[in-house]
Amino acid sequence: MIDLIKQITKFGIVGVIAFLIDYGLLIFFTEVLGIFYFWSSLISFTVSVLFNYYMTVKWVFLVENGKTKLENLVFFITFSCIGLGINQLIMFIGVQYLYVNYMIVKIFATFIVMVFNYLTRKWYFEHE
């Protein structure tokens, strides 16, 4: 149980840093550079995923699952793309249809994707 709590804590720390990268870049690209929020969200999410991948395999899950680095990377990219799709769908619906500010929708989208990421990565990286 203590190992699970440590792992969730590490995942949370990585998640907070990834969120700050994602959210900070989203606002920078949208507000400073004038890029449409939807494209800014795509770019910022992608950058945060790269950071998240490195930290996930090196610090959170300590990946030694018998799979090759390429297999692990393909899994991570595939499920990150699914996470990106979830993120973008929430962003689109929240902003375009519910008329909520993109910065608020991003917080909600991040939470949903974070839960998805933890569950899928834990299953994959610790699955024998």
C-alpha atoms as a PDB file:
ATOM      1  CA  MET A   1       0.000   0.000   0.000  1.00  0.00           C
ATOM      2  CA  ILE A   2       2.863   2.372   0.806  1.00  0.00           C
ATOM      3  CA  ASP A   3       4.391   1.677  -2.614  1.00  0.00           C
ATOM      4  CA  LEU A   4       1.089   2.558  -4.281  1.00  0.00           C
ATOM      5  CA  ILE A   5       0.864   5.812  -2.328  1.00  0.00           C
ATOM      6  CA  LYS A   6       4.467   6.678  -3.301  1.00  0.00           C
ATOM      7  CA  GLN A   7       3.702   5.895  -6.933  1.00  0.00           C
ATOM      8  CA  ILE A   8       0.532   7.974  -6.978  1.00  0.00           C
ATOM      9  CA  THR A   9       2.428  10.824  -5.295  1.00  0.00           C
ATOM     10  CA  LYS A  10       5.194  10.663  -7.918  1.00  0.00           C
ATOM     11  CA  PHE A  11       2.598  10.505 -10.678  1.00  0.00           C
ATOM     12  CA  GLY A  12       0.898  13.528  -9.135  1.00  0.00           C
ATOM     13  CA  ILE A  13       4.145  15.517  -8.977  1.00  0.00           C
ATOM     14  CA  VAL A  14       4.934  14.708 -12.604  1.00  0.00           C
ATOM     15  CA  GLY A  15       1.340  15.513 -13.500  1.00  0.00           C
ATOM     16  CA  VAL A  16       1.456  18.912 -11.814  1.00  0.00           C
ATOM     17  CA  ILE A  17       4.687  19.834 -13.599  1.00  0.00           C
ATOM     18  CA  ALA A  18       3.307  18.551 -16.919  1.00  0.00           C
ATOM     19  CA  PHE A  19       0.125  20.542 -16.298  1.00  0.00           C
ATOM     20  CA  LEU A  20       2.129  23.711 -15.634  1.00  0.00           C
ATOM     21  CA  ILE A  21       4.033  23.150 -18.882  1.00  0.00           C
ATOM     22  CA  ASP A  22       0.807  22.438 -20.777  1.00  0.00           C
ATOM     23  CA  TYR A  23      -1.230  25.270 -19.244  1.00  0.00           C
ATOM     24  CA  GLY A  24       1.597  27.798 -19.388  1.00  0.00           C
ATOM     25  CA  LEU A  25       2.317  27.095 -23.041  1.00  0.00           C
ATOM     26  CA  LEU A  26      -1.402  27.118 -23.873  1.00  0.00           C
ATOM     27  CA  ILE A  27      -1.804  30.602 -22.434  1.00  0.00           C
ATOM     28  CA  PHE A  28       1.487  31.807 -23.936  1.00  0.00           C
ATOM     29  CA  PHE A  29       0.652  30.568 -27.437  1.00  0.00           C
ATOM     30  CA  THR A  30      -2.929  31.829 -27.271  1.00  0.00           C
ATOM     31  CA  GLU A  31      -2.571  35.123 -25.452  1.00  0.00           C
ATOM     32  CA  VAL A  32       0.959  36.231 -26.429  1.00  0.00           C
ATOM     33  CA  LEU A  33       1.408  34.697 -29.878  1.00  0.00           C
ATOM     34  CA  GLY A  34      -2.270  34.922 -30.868  1.00  0.00           C
ATOM     35  CA  ILE A  35      -2.592  31.277 -31.937  1.00  0.00           C
ATOM     36  CA  PHE A  36      -6.171  29.914 -31.930  1.00  0.00           C
ATOM     37  CA  TYR A  37      -6.788  28.091 -28.617  1.00  0.00           C
ATOM     38  CA  PHE A  38      -7.463  24.752 -30.319  1.00  0.00           C
ATOM     39  CA  TRP A  39      -4.017  24.710 -31.989  1.00  0.00           C
ATOM     40  CA  SER A  40      -2.323  26.121 -28.900  1.00  0.00           C
ATOM     41  CA  SER A  41      -3.840  23.281 -26.890  1.00  0.00           C
ATOM     42  CA  LEU A  42      -2.530  20.712 -29.366  1.00  0.00           C
ATOM     43  CA  ILE A  43       1.010  22.115 -29.226  1.00  0.00           C
ATOM     44  CA  SER A  44       1.112  22.573 -25.447  1.00  0.00           C
ATOM     45  CA  PHE A  45      -0.296  19.086 -24.824  1.00  0.00           C
ATOM     46  CA  THR A  46       2.334  17.542 -27.096  1.00  0.00           C
ATOM     47  CA  VAL A  47       5.216  19.276 -25.316  1.00  0.00           C
ATOM     48  CA  SER A  48       3.899  18.211 -21.914  1.00  0.00           C
ATOM     49  CA  VAL A  49       3.540  14.596 -23.139  1.00  0.00           C
ATOM     50  CA  LEU A  50       7.234  14.462 -24.030  1.00  0.00           C
ATOM     51  CA  PHE A  51       8.163  15.589 -20.527  1.00  0.00           C
ATOM     52  CA  ASN A  52       5.604  13.211 -19.033  1.00  0.00           C
ATOM     53  CA  TYR A  53       6.936  10.211 -20.982  1.00  0.00           C
ATOM     54  CA  TYR A  54      10.481  10.735 -19.809  1.00  0.00           C
ATOM     55  CA  MET A  55       9.481  11.158 -16.167  1.00  0.00           C
ATOM     56  CA  THR A  56       6.964   8.304 -16.245  1.00  0.00           C
ATOM     57  CA  VAL A  57       9.424   5.671 -17.430  1.00  0.00           C
ATOM     58  CA  LYS A  58      12.386   6.988 -15.414  1.00  0.00           C
ATOM     59  CA  TRP A  59      10.809   7.920 -12.111  1.00  0.00           C
ATOM     60  CA  VAL A  60       7.144   6.972 -11.645  1.00  0.00           C
ATOM     61  CA  PHE A  61       6.837   3.395 -12.884  1.00  0.00           C
ATOM     62  CA  LEU A  62      10.538   2.474 -13.242  1.00  0.00           C
ATOM     63  CA  VAL A  63       9.664   0.537 -16.362  1.00  0.00           C
ATOM     64  CA  GLU A  64      11.092  -2.963 -16.443  1.00  0.00           C
ATOM     65  CA  ASN A  65       8.129  -4.788 -17.898  1.00  0.00           C
ATOM     66  CA  GLY A  66       9.965  -7.154 -20.247  1.00  0.00           C
ATOM     67  CA  LYS A  67       8.959  -5.142 -23.289  1.00  0.00           C
ATOM     68  CA  THR A  68      11.376  -3.288 -25.528  1.00  0.00           C
ATOM     69  CA  LYS A  69      11.850   0.456 -25.276  1.00  0.00           C
ATOM     70  CA  LEU A  70      10.197   0.715 -28.699  1.00  0.00           C
ATOM     71  CA  GLU A  71       7.131  -1.237 -27.539  1.00  0.00           C
ATOM     72  CA  ASN A  72       6.852   0.983 -24.463  1.00  0.00           C
ATOM     73  CA  LEU A  73       7.255   4.130 -26.550  1.00  0.00           C
ATOM     74  CA  VAL A  74       4.630   2.990 -29.078  1.00  0.00           C
ATOM     75  CA  PHE A  75       2.198   2.268 -26.236  1.00  0.00           C
ATOM     76  CA  PHE A  76       2.898   5.625 -24.621  1.00  0.00           C
ATOM     77  CA  ILE A  77       2.487   7.550 -27.873  1.00  0.00           C
ATOM     78  CA  THR A  78      -0.668   5.646 -28.819  1.00  0.00           C
ATOM     79  CA  PHE A  79      -2.367   6.277 -25.497  1.00  0.00           C
ATOM     80  CA  SER A  80      -1.076   9.850 -25.378  1.00  0.00           C
ATOM     81  CA  CYS A  81      -2.767  10.395 -28.749  1.00  0.00           C
ATOM     82  CA  ILE A  82      -5.980   8.987 -27.289  1.00  0.00           C
ATOM     83  CA  GLY A  83      -5.500  11.327 -24.324  1.00  0.00           C
ATOM     84  CA  LEU A  84      -4.937  14.195 -26.753  1.00  0.00           C
ATOM     85  CA  GLY A  85      -8.188  13.273 -28.511  1.00  0.00           C
ATOM     86  CA  ILE A  86     -10.030  13.308 -25.187  1.00  0.00           C
ATOM     87  CA  ASN A  87      -8.403  16.648 -24.320  1.00  0.00           C
ATOM     88  CA  GLN A  88      -9.267  18.233 -27.656  1.00  0.00           C
ATOM     89  CA  LEU A  89     -12.840  16.934 -27.600  1.00  0.00           C
ATOM     90  CA  ILE A  90     -13.403  18.363 -24.130  1.00  0.00           C
ATOM     91  CA  MET A  91     -11.777  21.659 -25.175  1.00  0.00           C
ATOM     92  CA  PHE A  92     -13.939  21.892 -28.294  1.00  0.00           C
ATOM     93  CA  ILE A  93     -17.221  21.032 -26.582  1.00  0.00           C
ATOM     94  CA  GLY A  94     -16.496  23.208 -23.556  1.00  0.00           C
ATOM     95  CA  VAL A  95     -15.514  26.295 -25.535  1.00  0.00           C
ATOM     96  CA  GLN A  96     -17.609  26.034 -28.703  1.00  0.00           C
ATOM     97  CA  TYR A  97     -20.838  24.602 -27.304  1.00  0.00           C
ATOM     98  CA  LEU A  98     -20.868  25.351 -23.585  1.00  0.00           C
ATOM     99  CA  TYR A  99     -19.224  28.778 -23.989  1.00  0.00           C
ATOM    100  CA  VAL A 100     -16.804  28.261 -21.102  1.00  0.00           C
ATOM    101  CA  ASN A 101     -13.466  30.090 -21.172  1.00  0.00           C
ATOM    102  CA  TYR A 102     -10.744  27.881 -22.659  1.00  0.00           C
ATOM    103  CA  MET A 103      -8.531  28.286 -19.549  1.00  0.00           C
ATOM    104  CA  ILE A 104     -11.250  26.826 -17.320  1.00  0.00           C
ATOM    105  CA  VAL A 105     -12.087  24.015 -19.742  1.00  0.00           C
ATOM    106  CA  LYS A 106      -8.383  23.109 -19.886  1.00  0.00           C
ATOM    107  CA  ILE A 107      -8.318  22.459 -16.133  1.00  0.00           C
ATOM    108  CA  PHE A 108     -11.274  20.067 -16.412  1.00  0.00           C
ATOM    109  CA  ALA A 109      -9.820  18.367 -19.509  1.00  0.00           C
ATOM    110  CA  THR A 110      -6.476  17.910 -17.767  1.00  0.00           C
ATOM    111  CA  PHE A 111      -8.091  16.189 -14.799  1.00  0.00           C
ATOM    112  CA  ILE A 112     -10.006  13.739 -17.022  1.00  0.00           C
ATOM    113  CA  VAL A 113      -6.925  12.934 -19.119  1.00  0.00           C
ATOM    114  CA  MET A 114      -4.771  12.558 -15.980  1.00  0.00           C
ATOM    115  CA  VAL A 115      -7.062   9.831 -14.625  1.00  0.00           C
ATOM    116  CA  PHE A 116      -7.087   8.113 -18.040  1.00  0.00           C
ATOM    117  CA  ASN A 117      -3.277   8.317 -18.220  1.00  0.00           C
ATOM    118  CA  TYR A 118      -2.678   6.911 -14.756  1.00  0.00           C
ATOM    119  CA  LEU A 119      -5.014   3.965 -15.220  1.00  0.00           C
ATOM    120  CA  THR A 120      -3.737   2.999 -18.666  1.00  0.00           C
ATOM    121  CA  ARG A 121      -0.044   3.452 -17.797  1.00  0.00           C
ATOM    122  CA  LYS A 122      -0.306   1.584 -14.529  1.00  0.00           C
ATOM    123  CA  TRP A 123      -2.032  -1.292 -16.298  1.00  0.00           C
ATOM    124  CA  TYR A 124       0.506  -1.408 -19.129  1.00  0.00           C
ATOM    125  CA  PHE A 125       3.781  -0.748 -17.341  1.00  0.00           C
ATOM    126  CA  GLU A 126       3.017  -3.056 -14.446  1.00  0.00           C
ATOM    127  CA  HIS A 127       1.142  -5.737 -16.370  1.00  0.00           C
ATOM    128  CA  GLU A 128       3.076  -8.976 -16.728  1.00  0.00           C
END
